[in-house]
Amino acid sequence: MTTFAAERTREIEEHWIDVNGTATRYLEAGTGPAILLIPGEGSVAEEWYDVIQGLASHYRTIAVDLPGYGYTEPITDASVAAFAAFVWRFARVIGLQRPVLIGHSLGGAVAVQAALEQPSRVPALILVDSAGLGRAVNPIAILQSVTPLGDLIARLVPVLPLGPRLHVAVVALFGACRPWRIHAAWWSSQRRVVSTPVALETSLRSQRATVGIFGQRNPLLRRLRELPMPTLVAWGLQDRQVPFWQGIAARRRLRHGRLALVACASHLLPLEAPEELVRAVREFLADVDGDQAQGEQLS
């Protein structure tokens, strides 16, 4: 039996592709049924680095930088709906017909929106510490969204001598219970990205589109019943950005839902607890494949 540590040695390739005029970067490894990983707000595709290696033995696993985040060029609209439309354009360009969608944080809201728009193209959906599933959010996010604090951060971080390093360190310390477990690929890539103002400005625009004075705007919780596909909700129990009970509430609304709560993990679950997340994803997708095979036999 192949161990998770051995699978982490699998080579991850970086690719660039044009998506309707937008230079787009993504990481890829493995062969088999397609999984498309969507990172969180302001994050790079490397947040999935260990998860890609853990899934690549059975799946073609792809992590894309959203527009304006990571190294993909920005687009004019930084809303969830715009990012969901971009995800489907990207999938078409690289030839993904029916990818499993896995989204983290903002990427979770994007994955839900994409699945609502084209449910027949999503065989399974996985939401990791997802945004958009309730109004509650850390007050710091509200403060950054509704006051000039967000503008100040976006302007100062790239120009201060240690600004990018400090910013990434704060994100890691706030978002993880065990930041020392985060892969070095994320640290270095994330620092390079926030050395320029584009990612921080995009993050601020997106945050202001999704977070207001009363918390998260237009939560998608009520629309979860519309999702026909099997859906896994995974959450870090110590999440300080969006509370884990939003995951419990989401599971109750789903028609075919499953919940995985991870102890000793916070909002950056894919980075600090990739083994636990990969295990939950594999078990879930194995059950989905088994149920589909049984349904085909019965029909």
Protein backbone atom coordinates (compact mmCIF):
# COMPACT_ATOMS: atom_id res chain seq x y z
CA MET A 1 0.00 0.00 0.00
CA THR A 2 1.40 3.39 -1.00
CA THR A 3 1.83 5.77 1.92
CA PHE A 4 0.88 9.42 1.88
CA ALA A 5 4.54 10.38 2.41
CA ALA A 6 5.55 8.41 -0.68
CA GLU A 7 2.78 9.98 -2.76
CA ARG A 8 4.04 13.44 -1.83
CA THR A 9 7.07 12.78 -4.03
CA ARG A 10 4.94 12.84 -7.18
CA GLU A 11 6.00 15.55 -9.60
CA ILE A 12 3.72 18.57 -9.93
CA GLU A 13 3.93 20.44 -13.22
CA GLU A 14 3.27 24.15 -13.70
CA HIS A 15 1.38 25.20 -16.84
CA TRP A 16 0.21 28.42 -18.44
CA ILE A 17 -2.76 28.71 -20.78
CA ASP A 18 -4.84 31.46 -22.35
CA VAL A 19 -8.44 31.53 -21.13
CA ASN A 20 -10.39 33.99 -23.29
CA GLY A 21 -7.50 36.44 -23.25
CA THR A 22 -6.54 35.89 -19.59
CA ALA A 23 -3.10 34.38 -19.02
CA THR A 24 -3.86 31.61 -16.53
CA ARG A 25 -1.53 29.52 -14.39
CA TYR A 26 -2.28 26.11 -12.95
CA LEU A 27 -0.57 23.12 -11.34
CA GLU A 28 -1.24 19.54 -12.40
CA ALA A 29 -0.28 15.98 -11.52
CA GLY A 30 -1.67 12.49 -12.03
CA THR A 31 -4.01 10.77 -14.47
CA GLY A 32 -7.56 9.48 -14.25
CA PRO A 33 -10.88 11.19 -13.49
CA ALA A 34 -10.44 14.95 -13.18
CA ILE A 35 -10.43 16.93 -9.94
CA LEU A 36 -10.32 20.73 -10.10
CA LEU A 37 -9.05 22.50 -6.97
CA ILE A 38 -10.05 26.13 -6.37
CA PRO A 39 -7.97 28.05 -3.79
CA GLY A 40 -9.16 30.52 -1.21
CA GLU A 41 -9.19 34.30 -1.29
CA GLY A 42 -5.78 35.78 -1.97
CA SER A 43 -4.11 32.38 -2.05
CA VAL A 44 -2.03 30.60 -4.67
CA ALA A 45 -2.48 27.17 -6.21
CA GLU A 46 0.35 25.91 -3.98
CA GLU A 47 -2.08 25.85 -1.06
CA TRP A 48 -3.13 22.49 -2.57
CA TYR A 49 0.45 21.23 -3.03
CA ASP A 50 0.26 18.29 -0.61
CA VAL A 51 -3.35 17.55 -1.54
CA ILE A 52 -2.42 17.32 -5.24
CA GLN A 53 0.31 14.81 -4.44
CA GLY A 54 -2.03 12.84 -2.21
CA LEU A 55 -4.73 12.54 -4.89
CA ALA A 56 -2.57 12.24 -8.02
CA SER A 57 -2.17 8.47 -7.69
CA HIS A 58 -5.83 8.01 -8.65
CA TYR A 59 -6.92 11.28 -10.28
CA ARG A 60 -5.87 13.94 -12.74
CA THR A 61 -5.56 16.68 -10.14
CA ILE A 62 -5.45 20.35 -11.16
CA ALA A 63 -5.20 23.51 -9.04
CA VAL A 64 -5.81 26.84 -10.75
CA ASP A 65 -4.86 30.37 -9.68
CA LEU A 66 -8.03 32.45 -9.74
CA PRO A 67 -7.86 35.71 -11.74
CA GLY A 68 -5.91 38.38 -9.89
CA TYR A 69 -4.72 35.87 -7.29
CA GLY A 70 -1.54 33.90 -7.61
CA TYR A 71 -0.09 34.48 -11.07
CA THR A 72 -3.24 34.50 -13.22
CA GLU A 73 -4.03 37.89 -14.72
CA PRO A 74 -6.89 39.82 -13.10
CA ILE A 75 -10.32 40.31 -14.65
CA THR A 76 -12.57 43.31 -14.15
CA ASP A 77 -15.12 41.54 -11.94
CA ALA A 78 -13.97 39.94 -8.66
CA SER A 79 -17.36 38.53 -7.66
CA VAL A 80 -18.12 34.89 -6.87
CA ALA A 81 -20.28 34.64 -9.99
CA ALA A 82 -17.47 36.00 -12.19
CA PHE A 83 -14.96 33.54 -10.73
CA ALA A 84 -17.42 30.66 -11.25
CA ALA A 85 -17.82 31.63 -14.90
CA PHE A 86 -14.02 31.77 -15.22
CA VAL A 87 -13.74 28.25 -13.72
CA TRP A 88 -16.00 26.86 -16.44
CA ARG A 89 -14.10 28.73 -19.17
CA PHE A 90 -10.84 27.32 -17.80
CA ALA A 91 -12.31 23.80 -17.66
CA ARG A 92 -13.41 24.05 -21.28
CA VAL A 93 -10.00 25.25 -22.48
CA ILE A 94 -8.08 22.39 -20.83
CA GLY A 95 -10.70 19.81 -21.78
CA LEU A 96 -12.39 18.98 -18.47
CA GLN A 97 -15.86 17.64 -19.20
CA ARG A 98 -17.09 16.63 -15.73
CA PRO A 99 -14.54 17.54 -13.06
CA VAL A 100 -15.03 16.98 -9.35
CA LEU A 101 -14.90 20.48 -7.86
CA ILE A 102 -13.05 21.10 -4.59
CA GLY A 103 -13.08 24.65 -3.24
CA HIS A 104 -11.49 26.16 -0.15
CA SER A 105 -12.76 29.33 1.56
CA LEU A 106 -13.75 31.75 -1.23
CA GLY A 107 -13.06 28.86 -3.60
CA GLY A 108 -15.80 26.92 -1.85
CA ALA A 109 -18.36 29.63 -2.63
CA VAL A 110 -17.08 29.67 -6.22
CA ALA A 111 -17.45 25.89 -6.44
CA VAL A 112 -21.04 26.06 -5.13
CA GLN A 113 -21.91 28.76 -7.67
CA ALA A 114 -20.29 26.79 -10.50
CA ALA A 115 -22.18 23.64 -9.46
CA LEU A 116 -25.49 25.53 -9.31
CA GLU A 117 -24.91 26.88 -12.81
CA GLN A 118 -23.99 23.54 -14.44
CA PRO A 119 -24.98 20.71 -12.07
CA SER A 120 -24.84 18.01 -14.76
CA ARG A 121 -21.11 18.68 -15.19
CA VAL A 122 -20.22 18.15 -11.52
CA PRO A 123 -20.23 14.48 -10.44
CA ALA A 124 -19.23 15.41 -6.87
CA LEU A 125 -18.58 18.57 -4.88
CA ILE A 126 -16.22 19.11 -1.92
CA LEU A 127 -16.30 22.27 0.20
CA VAL A 128 -13.38 22.97 2.55
CA ASP A 129 -13.91 25.63 5.25
CA SER A 130 -16.10 27.30 2.67
CA ALA A 131 -17.12 30.93 2.53
CA GLY A 132 -20.70 31.83 1.65
CA LEU A 133 -22.47 29.31 3.89
CA GLY A 134 -23.63 31.75 6.56
CA ARG A 135 -23.29 35.35 7.66
CA ALA A 136 -20.84 34.84 10.52
CA VAL A 137 -17.25 35.76 9.72
CA ASN A 138 -14.26 36.97 11.73
CA PRO A 139 -14.71 40.67 12.66
CA ILE A 140 -11.29 41.46 11.16
CA ALA A 141 -12.67 40.59 7.72
CA ILE A 142 -15.55 43.01 8.30
CA LEU A 143 -13.14 45.70 9.47
CA GLN A 144 -10.97 45.30 6.38
CA SER A 145 -14.01 45.37 4.12
CA VAL A 146 -15.92 48.38 5.47
CA THR A 147 -13.06 50.65 6.65
CA PRO A 148 -9.89 52.04 5.03
CA LEU A 149 -7.87 49.33 6.80
CA GLY A 150 -8.10 47.08 3.74
CA ASP A 151 -6.78 49.83 1.47
CA LEU A 152 -3.93 50.53 3.88
CA ILE A 153 -2.86 46.88 3.92
CA ALA A 154 -3.01 46.59 0.12
CA ARG A 155 -0.84 49.69 -0.30
CA LEU A 156 1.73 49.14 2.45
CA VAL A 157 2.48 45.41 2.30
CA PRO A 158 4.20 45.41 -1.14
CA VAL A 159 6.38 48.46 -0.39
CA LEU A 160 7.54 47.78 3.17
CA PRO A 161 10.95 46.04 3.35
CA LEU A 162 9.57 42.99 5.18
CA GLY A 163 5.94 43.59 4.25
CA PRO A 164 5.32 40.43 2.17
CA ARG A 165 7.06 38.16 4.69
CA LEU A 166 5.15 39.64 7.62
CA HIS A 167 1.84 39.50 5.78
CA VAL A 168 2.25 35.82 4.87
CA ALA A 169 3.38 35.02 8.41
CA VAL A 170 0.29 36.70 9.88
CA VAL A 171 -1.98 34.83 7.44
CA ALA A 172 -0.36 31.52 8.42
CA LEU A 173 -0.43 32.17 12.16
CA PHE A 174 -4.05 33.34 12.07
CA GLY A 175 -5.24 30.68 9.64
CA ALA A 176 -3.51 27.59 11.01
CA CYS A 177 -3.17 25.87 14.37
CA ARG A 178 0.04 24.22 13.15
CA PRO A 179 1.69 26.61 10.69
CA TRP A 180 4.93 24.64 10.82
CA ARG A 181 3.19 21.90 8.80
CA ILE A 182 2.61 24.21 5.83
CA HIS A 183 4.62 23.20 2.75
CA ALA A 184 7.55 25.44 1.81
CA ALA A 185 6.16 25.79 -1.73
CA TRP A 186 3.24 27.84 -0.40
CA TRP A 187 5.41 30.13 1.76
CA SER A 188 7.72 31.10 -1.11
CA SER A 189 5.02 31.40 -3.77
CA GLN A 190 2.68 33.38 -1.52
CA ARG A 191 5.43 35.85 -0.60
CA ARG A 192 6.24 36.48 -4.27
CA VAL A 193 2.58 37.11 -5.07
CA VAL A 194 1.98 39.68 -2.32
CA SER A 195 5.17 41.50 -3.28
CA THR A 196 3.04 43.11 -5.99
CA PRO A 197 -0.23 44.92 -5.24
CA VAL A 198 -2.40 42.96 -7.70
CA ALA A 199 -3.33 40.04 -5.43
CA LEU A 200 -4.02 42.23 -2.41
CA GLU A 201 -6.12 44.65 -4.45
CA THR A 202 -8.11 41.78 -5.99
CA SER A 203 -8.59 40.25 -2.55
CA LEU A 204 -9.90 43.56 -1.22
CA ARG A 205 -12.32 43.95 -4.14
CA SER A 206 -13.56 40.41 -3.66
CA GLN A 207 -13.87 40.84 0.09
CA ARG A 208 -15.92 44.00 -0.31
CA ALA A 209 -18.19 42.19 -2.74
CA THR A 210 -18.81 39.34 -0.28
CA VAL A 211 -18.46 40.87 3.22
CA GLY A 212 -20.35 43.84 4.63
CA ILE A 213 -21.00 45.39 8.02
CA PHE A 214 -23.35 42.55 8.97
CA GLY A 215 -21.00 39.78 7.85
CA GLN A 216 -21.02 37.69 4.70
CA ARG A 217 -23.35 38.97 2.01
CA ASN A 218 -25.86 36.78 0.17
CA PRO A 219 -24.98 33.43 1.75
CA LEU A 220 -25.67 30.43 -0.46
CA LEU A 221 -26.97 28.24 2.37
CA ARG A 222 -30.58 28.31 1.21
CA ARG A 223 -29.59 27.21 -2.30
CA LEU A 224 -27.72 24.09 -1.19
CA ARG A 225 -30.92 22.03 -1.55
CA GLU A 226 -30.72 22.66 -5.28
CA LEU A 227 -27.46 20.70 -5.57
CA PRO A 228 -28.18 17.17 -6.86
CA MET A 229 -24.63 15.84 -6.62
CA PRO A 230 -23.00 14.13 -3.60
CA THR A 231 -21.27 16.79 -1.53
CA LEU A 232 -18.61 16.55 1.17
CA VAL A 233 -18.22 19.41 3.64
CA ALA A 234 -14.82 19.40 5.40
CA TRP A 235 -13.98 21.86 8.16
CA GLY A 236 -11.26 22.59 10.69
CA LEU A 237 -12.78 22.62 14.16
CA GLN A 238 -10.59 25.56 15.23
CA ASP A 239 -11.41 27.73 12.20
CA ARG A 240 -11.13 31.37 13.27
CA GLN A 241 -12.28 32.81 9.95
CA VAL A 242 -15.63 31.08 9.39
CA PRO A 243 -17.02 28.94 12.26
CA PHE A 244 -17.26 25.16 11.89
CA TRP A 245 -20.97 25.16 12.76
CA GLN A 246 -21.60 26.67 9.33
CA GLY A 247 -20.38 23.36 7.92
CA ILE A 248 -22.83 21.49 10.14
CA ALA A 249 -25.67 23.74 8.95
CA ALA A 250 -24.61 23.20 5.33
CA ARG A 251 -24.60 19.42 5.74
CA ARG A 252 -28.20 19.57 6.99
CA ARG A 253 -29.31 21.51 3.90
CA LEU A 254 -27.66 19.19 1.37
CA ARG A 255 -29.67 16.46 -0.33
CA HIS A 256 -26.66 14.11 -0.51
CA GLY A 257 -24.20 15.52 2.00
CA ARG A 258 -21.43 14.25 4.23
CA LEU A 259 -19.50 16.10 6.94
CA ALA A 260 -15.85 15.70 7.97
CA LEU A 261 -14.64 17.76 10.94
CA VAL A 262 -10.88 17.85 11.49
CA ALA A 263 -9.51 18.42 14.99
CA CYS A 264 -6.41 20.56 15.57
CA ALA A 265 -6.96 22.41 12.29
CA SER A 266 -8.10 25.92 11.48
CA HIS A 267 -9.06 27.74 8.28
CA LEU A 268 -6.02 26.69 6.24
CA LEU A 269 -7.06 23.04 6.38
CA PRO A 270 -5.51 22.01 3.01
CA LEU A 271 -2.15 23.37 4.17
CA GLU A 272 -1.90 22.17 7.76
CA ALA A 273 -3.83 18.90 7.61
CA PRO A 274 -3.50 17.56 4.04
CA GLU A 275 -3.34 13.91 5.14
CA GLU A 276 -6.69 14.13 6.91
CA LEU A 277 -8.28 16.00 4.02
CA VAL A 278 -6.96 13.60 1.38
CA ARG A 279 -8.20 10.64 3.40
CA ALA A 280 -11.69 12.14 3.68
CA VAL A 281 -11.78 13.02 -0.03
CA ARG A 282 -10.64 9.56 -1.12
CA GLU A 283 -13.19 7.78 1.06
CA PHE A 284 -15.95 10.08 -0.13
CA LEU A 285 -15.12 9.71 -3.83
CA ALA A 286 -14.77 5.92 -3.47
CA ASP A 287 -18.28 5.80 -2.02
CA VAL A 288 -19.57 8.07 -4.79
CA ASP A 289 -18.04 5.78 -7.44
CA GLY A 290 -19.52 2.73 -5.70
CA ASP A 291 -22.99 4.25 -5.53
CA GLN A 292 -22.86 5.26 -9.19
CA ALA A 293 -21.73 1.78 -10.25
CA GLN A 294 -24.54 0.20 -8.24
CA GLY A 295 -27.07 2.57 -9.80
CA GLU A 296 -25.88 1.64 -13.28
CA GLN A 297 -26.27 -2.09 -12.48
CA LEU A 298 -29.79 -1.55 -11.16
CA SER A 299 -30.78 0.41 -14.24
